[in-house]
Amino acid sequence: MITTGGGLFSEGVGQNRLRLHTLVVLRWMAIAGQLAAITVAYFHLDLRLPLGLCYLVVGASVIANLVSWFIFPKNRRLSDAEAMLVLLFDLAQLAFLLYLTGGLTNPFALLIIAPVIISASALQSRITVLLALIAILFISLAALFNIPLLFADGSVLSIPPLLEFGFWQSIVIGILFLGLYSHRVATEIQSMSDALLATQMALSREQKLTALGGVVAAAAHELGTPLATIKLVSAEMIEELADNPTLRDDAQLIKDQADRCRDILRSMGRAGKNDLHLLRAPLAEVLREAAEPHMGRGKSVIFTLNPMIDPATSIPPHVQRKPEVIHGLRNLIQNAVDFSKTTVWVDAEWGPKSLLVRVVDDGDGYAPHILGRIGDPFLTRPAPRQGDVRPEYEGMGLGLFIAKTLLERSGADLSFANGAPRPLGLSGRPARSGAIVEVIWPLAEILATPSGNLGENTPIEG
């Protein structure tokens, strides 16, 4: 985060979210309402207002709007400092208009809340707090110092002091409550938007890797025959050129380079064959593929596959190898490895109608106060203090959010819980005492459609 000036404003993520055009349009609406209220009060309700001064105050907003409208481009986005100055001008203009029109005897005093709510929805909390304090100050000054509203006969429009105090108190509470409420909702919406963007990026990356691996696998498959032919011909040339060392060395070089191309394509195509050509795979292979990046981090990962009924005849099903399934399970296993002490269990159970995958660790489990919010983005979870291969790691909840979003997209339901606590009076600890995540698919959503072969490769046209 970069601070500017005295440190009140910071430039970072979420800056420049307010368009000047949006504030200008809102101000035109406020100007129209103010002109209508002043005109009706003076000419229809016979209230003796300082009409010239009132129109002058509204005219200041008109001038500010015209300057903003014609000088700055419509797509101009304001920094937090600029947006604060615009909203501060609106607060001052409305406060002075209230001073001219009776203070809290004017029911439109409630509108002083509007700039604070706009700030709470789009600007930083420090700026919102500052504008809220200024709004409270302005409405308090307008309650104490104002030009009373007079009727045509000279009588003063007044309200009981208790009612006036209650109106002031309701405005102050409205500024605080609505400002806090708007800021909280806007923050949650922004966090969810950021988390969904991260989810889309993760899925896009997984899909691109899948597609790229498939292209490499197809290339390895198609080039296999030409490379084998080159190798065979070069081997025959080596035998025939035994009496010509120079040409024999060239033929040997051709053979060696053909072998090298074969090895490169084999190593590059291995992932591609798994990702694109095999759109279906045994359940055990899918689970192992998801866990593979975290198998060598010093924790034991144990796989268990059990049918829900008829253990003697049931075999593990073949499931779809969707990128979202692989990536989602991988995030769950990564989280379990991060917070486990020694062991992570990945259990799979299947029946006639559903498939269940359970990821359990022997760590401390989820903290009780966050258990009901698991899956929310940016939910901080401290790392374990001992035995962690990433000691500075601090979970932000984004991995679980991405996993939950991707797996639900594949048709699964997720639930989070903790294992059994340690029995009282015993020094030992149950093995599966940590966090538990259960993922349940309807079998029709995850089961792969049987296919007899892999199909033909599509030629790559350049």
Protein backbone atom coordinates (compact mmCIF):
# COMPACT_ATOMS: atom_id res chain seq x y z
CA MET A 1 0.00 0.00 0.00
CA ILE A 2 1.37 3.44 -0.95
CA THR A 3 0.46 6.37 1.22
CA THR A 4 0.35 9.93 -0.06
CA GLY A 5 0.46 13.21 1.74
CA GLY A 6 -0.18 12.85 5.42
CA GLY A 7 -1.25 9.23 5.09
CA LEU A 8 -4.99 9.85 5.01
CA PHE A 9 -5.41 8.45 1.53
CA SER A 10 -3.91 5.25 0.16
CA GLU A 11 -3.60 4.06 -3.40
CA GLY A 12 -4.22 0.38 -3.88
CA VAL A 13 -6.78 -2.16 -4.90
CA GLY A 14 -10.29 -0.74 -5.00
CA GLN A 15 -9.19 2.83 -5.80
CA ASN A 16 -10.87 5.00 -8.47
CA ARG A 17 -14.17 3.12 -8.30
CA LEU A 18 -16.43 6.20 -8.48
CA ARG A 19 -17.04 7.83 -11.84
CA LEU A 20 -17.36 11.59 -11.88
CA HIS A 21 -20.28 11.21 -14.29
CA THR A 22 -22.20 9.19 -11.70
CA LEU A 23 -21.81 11.89 -9.03
CA VAL A 24 -22.73 14.60 -11.55
CA VAL A 25 -25.96 12.80 -12.48
CA LEU A 26 -26.85 12.31 -8.81
CA ARG A 27 -26.18 15.99 -8.16
CA TRP A 28 -28.45 17.02 -11.04
CA MET A 29 -31.21 14.98 -9.40
CA ALA A 30 -30.53 16.70 -6.07
CA ILE A 31 -30.55 20.13 -7.75
CA ALA A 32 -33.91 19.42 -9.37
CA GLY A 33 -35.34 18.31 -6.02
CA GLN A 34 -33.96 21.34 -4.18
CA LEU A 35 -35.34 23.80 -6.77
CA ALA A 36 -38.74 22.09 -6.67
CA ALA A 37 -38.86 22.12 -2.84
CA ILE A 38 -37.82 25.79 -2.59
CA THR A 39 -40.27 26.91 -5.28
CA VAL A 40 -43.23 24.98 -3.87
CA ALA A 41 -42.48 26.15 -0.30
CA TYR A 42 -42.28 29.81 -1.33
CA PHE A 43 -45.07 30.12 -3.89
CA HIS A 44 -47.52 27.41 -2.80
CA LEU A 45 -47.04 27.05 0.95
CA ASP A 46 -46.45 30.80 1.51
CA LEU A 47 -43.24 30.29 3.48
CA ARG A 48 -41.08 33.42 3.54
CA LEU A 49 -37.68 32.08 2.48
CA PRO A 50 -34.58 34.09 1.57
CA LEU A 51 -35.29 33.12 -2.01
CA GLY A 52 -32.29 34.85 -3.56
CA LEU A 53 -29.79 33.20 -1.22
CA CYS A 54 -31.45 29.80 -1.62
CA TYR A 55 -31.24 30.01 -5.41
CA LEU A 56 -27.64 31.22 -5.08
CA VAL A 57 -26.68 28.13 -3.03
CA VAL A 58 -28.38 25.84 -5.55
CA GLY A 59 -26.70 27.79 -8.33
CA ALA A 60 -23.30 26.92 -6.82
CA SER A 61 -24.10 23.26 -7.35
CA VAL A 62 -25.25 24.01 -10.90
CA ILE A 63 -21.95 25.77 -11.66
CA ALA A 64 -19.93 22.92 -10.13
CA ASN A 65 -21.87 20.42 -12.22
CA LEU A 66 -21.44 22.38 -15.44
CA VAL A 67 -17.70 22.68 -14.85
CA SER A 68 -17.44 18.95 -14.18
CA TRP A 69 -19.67 18.13 -17.15
CA PHE A 70 -17.81 20.14 -19.79
CA ILE A 71 -14.19 20.10 -18.57
CA PHE A 72 -13.70 16.49 -17.50
CA PRO A 73 -14.40 13.39 -19.63
CA LYS A 74 -17.46 11.36 -18.74
CA ASN A 75 -15.38 8.26 -18.04
CA ARG A 76 -13.16 10.06 -15.54
CA ARG A 77 -12.80 8.01 -12.37
CA LEU A 78 -12.10 9.84 -9.16
CA SER A 79 -9.44 8.98 -6.63
CA ASP A 80 -10.62 8.62 -3.05
CA ALA A 81 -9.31 12.11 -2.27
CA GLU A 82 -11.16 13.68 -5.21
CA ALA A 83 -14.38 11.81 -4.43
CA MET A 84 -14.17 12.94 -0.82
CA LEU A 85 -13.86 16.60 -1.89
CA VAL A 86 -16.88 16.26 -4.19
CA LEU A 87 -18.99 14.72 -1.42
CA LEU A 88 -17.71 17.29 1.09
CA PHE A 89 -18.91 20.06 -1.25
CA ASP A 90 -22.36 18.42 -1.38
CA LEU A 91 -22.47 18.21 2.42
CA ALA A 92 -21.52 21.86 2.81
CA GLN A 93 -24.03 22.98 0.16
CA LEU A 94 -26.88 21.06 1.77
CA ALA A 95 -25.92 22.21 5.28
CA PHE A 96 -25.94 25.88 4.20
CA LEU A 97 -29.29 25.37 2.47
CA LEU A 98 -30.66 23.92 5.73
CA TYR A 99 -29.32 26.99 7.58
CA LEU A 100 -31.36 29.19 5.23
CA THR A 101 -34.53 27.09 5.49
CA GLY A 102 -35.18 26.47 9.18
CA GLY A 103 -32.58 23.84 10.17
CA LEU A 104 -34.25 20.75 11.62
CA THR A 105 -37.72 22.18 11.05
CA ASN A 106 -37.02 21.38 7.41
CA PRO A 107 -37.92 17.70 6.83
CA PHE A 108 -35.39 17.50 3.99
CA ALA A 109 -32.59 17.62 6.57
CA LEU A 110 -32.65 13.84 6.36
CA LEU A 111 -30.93 14.04 2.95
CA ILE A 112 -27.63 14.92 4.61
CA ILE A 113 -27.23 11.14 5.04
CA ALA A 114 -26.91 10.62 1.25
CA PRO A 115 -23.24 11.69 0.74
CA VAL A 116 -22.18 9.50 3.68
CA ILE A 117 -23.93 6.46 2.21
CA ILE A 118 -22.28 7.06 -1.18
CA SER A 119 -18.90 7.23 0.54
CA ALA A 120 -19.59 4.09 2.57
CA SER A 121 -20.48 2.19 -0.60
CA ALA A 122 -17.42 3.11 -2.65
CA LEU A 123 -14.66 4.76 -0.60
CA GLN A 124 -12.31 3.73 2.17
CA SER A 125 -13.60 3.42 5.71
CA ARG A 126 -11.38 6.25 6.99
CA ILE A 127 -12.86 8.68 4.49
CA THR A 128 -16.38 7.51 5.33
CA VAL A 129 -15.75 8.06 9.05
CA LEU A 130 -14.41 11.55 8.33
CA LEU A 131 -17.43 12.48 6.18
CA ALA A 132 -19.80 11.03 8.79
CA LEU A 133 -18.26 13.18 11.53
CA ILE A 134 -18.47 16.27 9.30
CA ALA A 135 -22.12 15.48 8.47
CA ILE A 136 -22.94 15.16 12.19
CA LEU A 137 -21.18 18.47 12.82
CA PHE A 138 -23.06 20.22 10.02
CA ILE A 139 -26.48 18.91 11.10
CA SER A 140 -25.74 19.90 14.70
CA LEU A 141 -24.78 23.43 13.63
CA ALA A 142 -27.89 23.65 11.46
CA ALA A 143 -30.00 22.65 14.49
CA LEU A 144 -28.44 25.39 16.66
CA PHE A 145 -27.99 28.16 14.09
CA ASN A 146 -30.56 28.71 11.35
CA ILE A 147 -32.94 31.22 9.84
CA PRO A 148 -36.45 30.29 11.05
CA LEU A 149 -39.15 29.54 8.55
CA LEU A 150 -41.81 32.28 8.46
CA PHE A 151 -45.35 32.16 7.12
CA ALA A 152 -46.83 35.01 5.10
CA ASP A 153 -48.46 36.46 8.24
CA GLY A 154 -45.09 36.58 10.02
CA SER A 155 -45.66 33.62 12.32
CA VAL A 156 -42.74 31.25 12.86
CA LEU A 157 -42.89 27.60 11.89
CA SER A 158 -41.63 25.74 14.93
CA ILE A 159 -41.69 22.23 16.36
CA PRO A 160 -41.48 21.11 19.99
CA PRO A 161 -37.87 20.96 21.27
CA LEU A 162 -38.28 17.28 22.18
CA LEU A 163 -39.36 16.43 18.64
CA GLU A 164 -36.52 18.51 17.21
CA PHE A 165 -34.01 16.69 19.41
CA GLY A 166 -35.49 13.35 18.39
CA PHE A 167 -35.20 14.32 14.72
CA TRP A 168 -31.53 15.29 15.24
CA GLN A 169 -30.87 12.05 17.06
CA SER A 170 -32.53 9.97 14.32
CA ILE A 171 -30.38 11.68 11.66
CA VAL A 172 -27.19 11.02 13.65
CA ILE A 173 -28.13 7.38 14.20
CA GLY A 174 -29.08 7.09 10.54
CA ILE A 175 -25.67 8.43 9.48
CA LEU A 176 -23.87 5.94 11.70
CA PHE A 177 -26.07 2.90 11.09
CA LEU A 178 -26.72 3.31 7.37
CA GLY A 179 -23.10 4.26 6.76
CA LEU A 180 -21.85 1.16 8.58
CA TYR A 181 -24.45 -1.04 6.92
CA SER A 182 -23.66 0.24 3.42
CA HIS A 183 -19.92 -0.11 3.98
CA ARG A 184 -20.29 -3.68 5.27
CA VAL A 185 -22.48 -4.74 2.34
CA ALA A 186 -20.21 -3.05 -0.22
CA THR A 187 -17.13 -4.69 1.34
CA GLU A 188 -18.71 -8.15 1.22
CA ILE A 189 -19.79 -7.62 -2.40
CA GLN A 190 -16.27 -6.51 -3.34
CA SER A 191 -14.70 -9.47 -1.52
CA MET A 192 -17.07 -11.88 -3.23
CA SER A 193 -16.33 -10.27 -6.60
CA ASP A 194 -12.57 -10.59 -6.03
CA ALA A 195 -12.94 -14.19 -4.91
CA LEU A 196 -15.10 -15.10 -7.92
CA LEU A 197 -12.52 -13.49 -10.18
CA ALA A 198 -9.81 -15.58 -8.55
CA THR A 199 -12.00 -18.67 -9.04
CA GLN A 200 -12.47 -17.90 -12.72
CA MET A 201 -8.71 -17.35 -13.12
CA ALA A 202 -7.94 -20.65 -11.40
CA LEU A 203 -10.44 -22.54 -13.55
CA SER A 204 -9.23 -20.78 -16.69
CA ARG A 205 -5.65 -21.75 -15.86
CA GLU A 206 -6.65 -25.36 -15.29
CA GLN A 207 -8.57 -25.44 -18.57
CA LYS A 208 -5.69 -23.89 -20.49
CA LEU A 209 -3.27 -26.41 -19.04
CA THR A 210 -5.67 -29.18 -19.99
CA ALA A 211 -6.02 -27.89 -23.54
CA LEU A 212 -2.27 -27.30 -23.89
CA GLY A 213 -1.50 -30.79 -22.60
CA GLY A 214 -3.95 -32.25 -25.10
CA VAL A 215 -2.30 -30.42 -27.99
CA VAL A 216 1.11 -31.69 -26.89
CA ALA A 217 -0.22 -35.23 -26.56
CA ALA A 218 -1.78 -35.06 -30.01
CA ALA A 219 1.49 -33.75 -31.45
CA ALA A 220 3.44 -36.55 -29.75
CA HIS A 221 1.02 -39.12 -31.13
CA GLU A 222 1.07 -37.77 -34.68
CA LEU A 223 4.86 -37.27 -34.81
CA GLY A 224 5.62 -40.70 -33.40
CA THR A 225 5.53 -42.45 -36.80
CA PRO A 226 7.69 -39.89 -38.70
CA LEU A 227 10.29 -39.92 -35.93
CA ALA A 228 10.36 -43.72 -35.92
CA THR A 229 10.87 -43.68 -39.68
CA ILE A 230 13.73 -41.18 -39.39
CA LYS A 231 15.34 -43.32 -36.70
CA LEU A 232 15.04 -46.50 -38.80
CA VAL A 233 16.45 -44.89 -41.95
CA SER A 234 19.30 -43.24 -40.05
CA ALA A 235 20.21 -46.59 -38.46
CA GLU A 236 20.40 -48.20 -41.90
CA MET A 237 22.53 -45.29 -43.18
CA ILE A 238 24.95 -45.75 -40.26
CA GLU A 239 25.51 -49.38 -41.30
CA GLU A 240 25.94 -48.53 -44.98
CA LEU A 241 28.36 -45.67 -44.30
CA ALA A 242 30.76 -47.66 -42.16
CA ASP A 243 33.60 -46.78 -44.56
CA ASN A 244 32.79 -43.04 -44.55
CA PRO A 245 33.28 -41.70 -41.00
CA THR A 246 32.15 -38.14 -41.82
CA LEU A 247 28.78 -39.13 -43.30
CA ARG A 248 28.33 -41.84 -40.68
CA ASP A 249 28.70 -39.25 -37.90
CA ASP A 250 26.06 -37.09 -39.60
CA ALA A 251 23.68 -40.05 -39.77
CA GLN A 252 24.38 -40.84 -36.10
CA LEU A 253 23.58 -37.22 -35.24
CA ILE A 254 20.25 -37.48 -37.08
CA LYS A 255 19.41 -40.65 -35.14
CA ASP A 256 20.36 -39.07 -31.81
CA GLN A 257 18.27 -35.97 -32.48
CA ALA A 258 15.30 -38.11 -33.47
CA ASP A 259 15.62 -39.93 -30.13
CA ARG A 260 15.81 -36.60 -28.35
CA CYS A 261 12.64 -35.35 -30.06
CA ARG A 262 10.88 -38.57 -29.08
CA ASP A 263 11.91 -38.17 -25.40
CA ILE A 264 10.86 -34.51 -25.31
CA LEU A 265 7.46 -35.22 -26.80
CA ARG A 266 6.97 -38.19 -24.48
CA SER A 267 7.69 -36.11 -21.38
CA MET A 268 5.53 -33.21 -22.58
CA GLY A 269 2.71 -35.41 -23.76
CA ARG A 270 2.33 -37.44 -20.59
CA ALA A 271 0.21 -34.79 -18.84
CA GLY A 272 -1.70 -34.07 -22.01
CA LYS A 273 -2.73 -37.68 -22.49
CA ASN A 274 -3.99 -37.79 -18.93
CA ASP A 275 -5.87 -34.49 -19.20
CA LEU A 276 -7.50 -34.42 -22.62
CA HIS A 277 -7.40 -37.85 -24.22
CA LEU A 278 -8.68 -39.60 -21.13
CA LEU A 279 -11.85 -37.68 -20.38
CA ARG A 280 -12.75 -40.46 -17.96
CA ALA A 281 -10.58 -42.25 -15.42
CA PRO A 282 -10.88 -44.57 -12.42
CA LEU A 283 -11.84 -42.80 -9.24
CA ALA A 284 -8.55 -43.73 -7.56
CA GLU A 285 -6.52 -42.12 -10.35
CA VAL A 286 -8.51 -38.90 -10.19
CA LEU A 287 -7.94 -38.66 -6.42
CA ARG A 288 -4.23 -39.39 -6.76
CA GLU A 289 -3.87 -36.84 -9.53
CA ALA A 290 -5.54 -34.19 -7.35
CA ALA A 291 -3.24 -35.02 -4.42
CA GLU A 292 -0.03 -35.49 -6.41
CA PRO A 293 1.40 -31.93 -5.98
CA HIS A 294 1.15 -32.30 -2.17
CA MET A 295 2.32 -35.89 -1.75
CA GLY A 296 5.95 -34.92 -1.17
CA ARG A 297 5.51 -32.29 1.52
CA GLY A 298 6.39 -34.49 4.48
CA LYS A 299 2.85 -35.55 5.32
CA SER A 300 1.36 -38.99 4.75
CA VAL A 301 -1.65 -39.04 2.41
CA ILE A 302 -3.70 -42.25 2.71
CA PHE A 303 -6.35 -43.21 0.14
CA THR A 304 -9.25 -45.48 1.02
CA LEU A 305 -11.93 -46.61 -1.43
CA ASN A 306 -14.98 -48.49 -0.16
CA PRO A 307 -18.36 -49.24 -1.75
CA MET A 308 -21.38 -48.35 0.33
CA ILE A 309 -23.00 -51.74 -0.43
CA ASP A 310 -21.87 -55.17 -1.65
CA PRO A 311 -18.09 -54.86 -1.07
CA ALA A 312 -17.41 -58.18 -2.77
CA THR A 313 -18.63 -57.19 -6.24
CA SER A 314 -18.51 -53.41 -6.41
CA ILE A 315 -15.53 -51.83 -8.14
CA PRO A 316 -14.55 -48.14 -8.12
CA PRO A 317 -16.43 -46.24 -10.82
CA HIS A 318 -14.89 -44.31 -13.68
CA VAL A 319 -15.56 -40.60 -13.21
CA GLN A 320 -15.29 -37.50 -15.35
CA ARG A 321 -11.90 -35.78 -15.21
CA LYS A 322 -13.22 -32.24 -15.28
CA PRO A 323 -10.69 -29.46 -14.55
CA GLU A 324 -12.96 -28.03 -11.85
CA VAL A 325 -13.15 -31.39 -10.08
CA ILE A 326 -9.37 -31.88 -10.13
CA HIS A 327 -8.63 -28.32 -9.02
CA GLY A 328 -11.32 -28.28 -6.33
CA LEU A 329 -10.19 -31.57 -4.76
CA ARG A 330 -6.57 -30.41 -5.01
CA ASN A 331 -7.37 -27.29 -2.97
CA LEU A 332 -9.13 -29.35 -0.30
CA ILE A 333 -6.18 -31.73 -0.03
CA GLN A 334 -3.72 -28.84 0.03
CA ASN A 335 -5.61 -27.26 2.92
CA ALA A 336 -5.61 -30.56 4.81
CA VAL A 337 -1.86 -31.03 4.25
CA ASP A 338 -1.17 -27.44 5.33
CA PHE A 339 -2.89 -27.87 8.69
CA SER A 340 -2.34 -31.54 9.45
CA LYS A 341 0.27 -32.81 11.89
CA THR A 342 1.36 -36.01 10.17
CA THR A 343 -1.46 -37.61 8.16
CA VAL A 344 -4.25 -36.81 5.71
CA TRP A 345 -6.94 -39.34 4.79
CA VAL A 346 -8.77 -39.20 1.46
CA ASP A 347 -11.75 -41.57 1.59
CA ALA A 348 -14.13 -42.36 -1.24
CA GLU A 349 -17.44 -44.20 -0.96
CA TRP A 350 -19.88 -44.90 -3.75
CA GLY A 351 -23.33 -46.34 -4.02
CA PRO A 352 -26.14 -46.68 -6.55
CA LYS A 353 -27.02 -42.99 -6.44
CA SER A 354 -24.13 -41.00 -5.00
CA LEU A 355 -20.37 -40.65 -4.69
CA LEU A 356 -18.79 -39.32 -1.49
CA VAL A 357 -15.22 -38.06 -1.12
CA ARG A 358 -14.07 -37.23 2.40
CA VAL A 359 -10.83 -35.36 3.22
CA VAL A 360 -9.75 -35.64 6.88
CA ASP A 361 -6.60 -34.53 8.67
CA ASP A 362 -5.14 -34.98 12.15
CA GLY A 363 -4.66 -31.28 12.84
CA ASP A 364 -6.48 -29.03 15.27
CA GLY A 365 -9.54 -28.65 13.05
CA TYR A 366 -11.50 -25.51 12.33
CA ALA A 367 -11.85 -22.89 15.04
CA PRO A 368 -15.42 -22.97 16.41
CA HIS A 369 -16.04 -19.30 15.60
CA ILE A 370 -15.29 -19.78 11.89
CA LEU A 371 -16.81 -23.22 11.39
CA GLY A 372 -20.12 -21.79 10.21
CA ARG A 373 -18.37 -19.46 7.76
CA ILE A 374 -16.09 -21.98 6.07
CA GLY A 375 -16.15 -21.34 2.34
CA ASP A 376 -16.46 -17.55 2.64
CA PRO A 377 -13.65 -15.76 0.79
CA PHE A 378 -10.81 -14.07 2.66
CA LEU A 379 -11.57 -15.81 5.95
CA THR A 380 -8.24 -15.81 7.78
CA ARG A 381 -7.08 -19.04 9.40
CA PRO A 382 -3.69 -18.98 11.21
CA ALA A 383 -1.15 -21.62 10.26
CA PRO A 384 -0.13 -24.36 12.72
CA ARG A 385 2.85 -23.50 14.87
CA GLN A 386 4.82 -26.68 14.50
CA GLY A 387 5.75 -29.02 11.71
CA ASP A 388 4.51 -26.74 8.96
CA VAL A 389 6.60 -26.67 5.82
CA ARG A 390 5.35 -23.15 5.12
CA PRO A 391 5.76 -21.41 8.51
CA GLU A 392 4.72 -17.97 7.23
CA TYR A 393 1.60 -19.30 5.53
CA GLU A 394 -1.70 -17.89 6.71
CA GLY A 395 -4.87 -19.22 5.19
CA MET A 396 -7.14 -16.57 3.68
CA GLY A 397 -10.06 -18.85 2.96
CA LEU A 398 -9.72 -18.20 -0.77
CA GLY A 399 -8.54 -21.74 -1.53
CA LEU A 400 -11.56 -23.26 0.20
CA PHE A 401 -13.84 -20.75 -1.48
CA ILE A 402 -12.42 -21.66 -4.90
CA ALA A 403 -12.73 -25.37 -4.10
CA LYS A 404 -16.31 -24.97 -2.90
CA THR A 405 -17.30 -22.90 -5.94
CA LEU A 406 -15.69 -25.23 -8.47
CA LEU A 407 -16.99 -28.43 -6.90
CA GLU A 408 -20.51 -27.04 -6.56
CA ARG A 409 -20.27 -26.10 -10.22
CA SER A 410 -19.63 -29.77 -10.97
CA GLY A 411 -22.84 -30.72 -9.11
CA ALA A 412 -21.43 -31.51 -5.65
CA ASP A 413 -22.60 -30.53 -2.17
CA LEU A 414 -19.93 -29.70 0.44
CA SER A 415 -20.04 -29.84 4.22
CA PHE A 416 -17.37 -28.90 6.77
CA ALA A 417 -16.95 -30.27 10.28
CA ASN A 418 -14.39 -31.21 12.94
CA GLY A 419 -13.41 -34.67 14.06
CA ALA A 420 -13.97 -36.16 17.49
CA PRO A 421 -12.22 -34.23 20.29
CA ARG A 422 -9.77 -35.93 22.61
CA PRO A 423 -11.57 -37.87 25.36
CA LEU A 424 -11.22 -36.43 28.84
CA GLY A 425 -8.56 -38.05 30.97
CA LEU A 426 -6.63 -39.49 28.04
CA SER A 427 -3.29 -38.17 26.89
CA GLY A 428 -3.66 -39.65 23.42
CA ARG A 429 -5.40 -38.02 20.53
CA PRO A 430 -7.81 -39.64 18.08
CA ALA A 431 -6.21 -40.03 14.68
CA ARG A 432 -8.95 -38.31 12.69
CA SER A 433 -9.45 -35.41 15.07
CA GLY A 434 -8.90 -32.53 12.65
CA ALA A 435 -10.94 -30.90 9.92
CA ILE A 436 -13.37 -32.95 7.85
CA VAL A 437 -14.65 -31.98 4.41
CA GLU A 438 -17.27 -34.12 2.70
CA VAL A 439 -18.03 -33.76 -1.00
CA ILE A 440 -21.10 -35.59 -2.28
CA TRP A 441 -22.08 -35.86 -5.94
CA PRO A 442 -25.21 -37.44 -7.37
CA LEU A 443 -23.68 -40.32 -9.31
CA ALA A 444 -25.29 -39.12 -12.54
CA GLU A 445 -23.38 -35.81 -12.27
CA ILE A 446 -19.88 -37.28 -11.90
CA LEU A 447 -20.06 -40.75 -13.46
CA ALA A 448 -18.23 -40.95 -16.80
CA THR A 449 -20.04 -42.15 -19.89
CA PRO A 450 -18.53 -45.45 -21.03
CA SER A 451 -16.54 -45.24 -24.26
CA GLY A 452 -14.76 -47.90 -26.21
CA ASN A 453 -11.78 -45.87 -27.38
CA LEU A 454 -10.15 -42.47 -27.24
CA GLY A 455 -11.27 -41.37 -30.69
CA GLU A 456 -9.19 -39.88 -33.45
CA ASN A 457 -6.88 -36.91 -33.08
CA THR A 458 -7.99 -33.77 -34.87
CA PRO A 459 -5.29 -32.62 -37.31
CA ILE A 460 -3.59 -29.33 -36.37
CA GLU A 461 -3.81 -26.98 -39.33
CA GLY A 462 -1.26 -24.19 -39.42
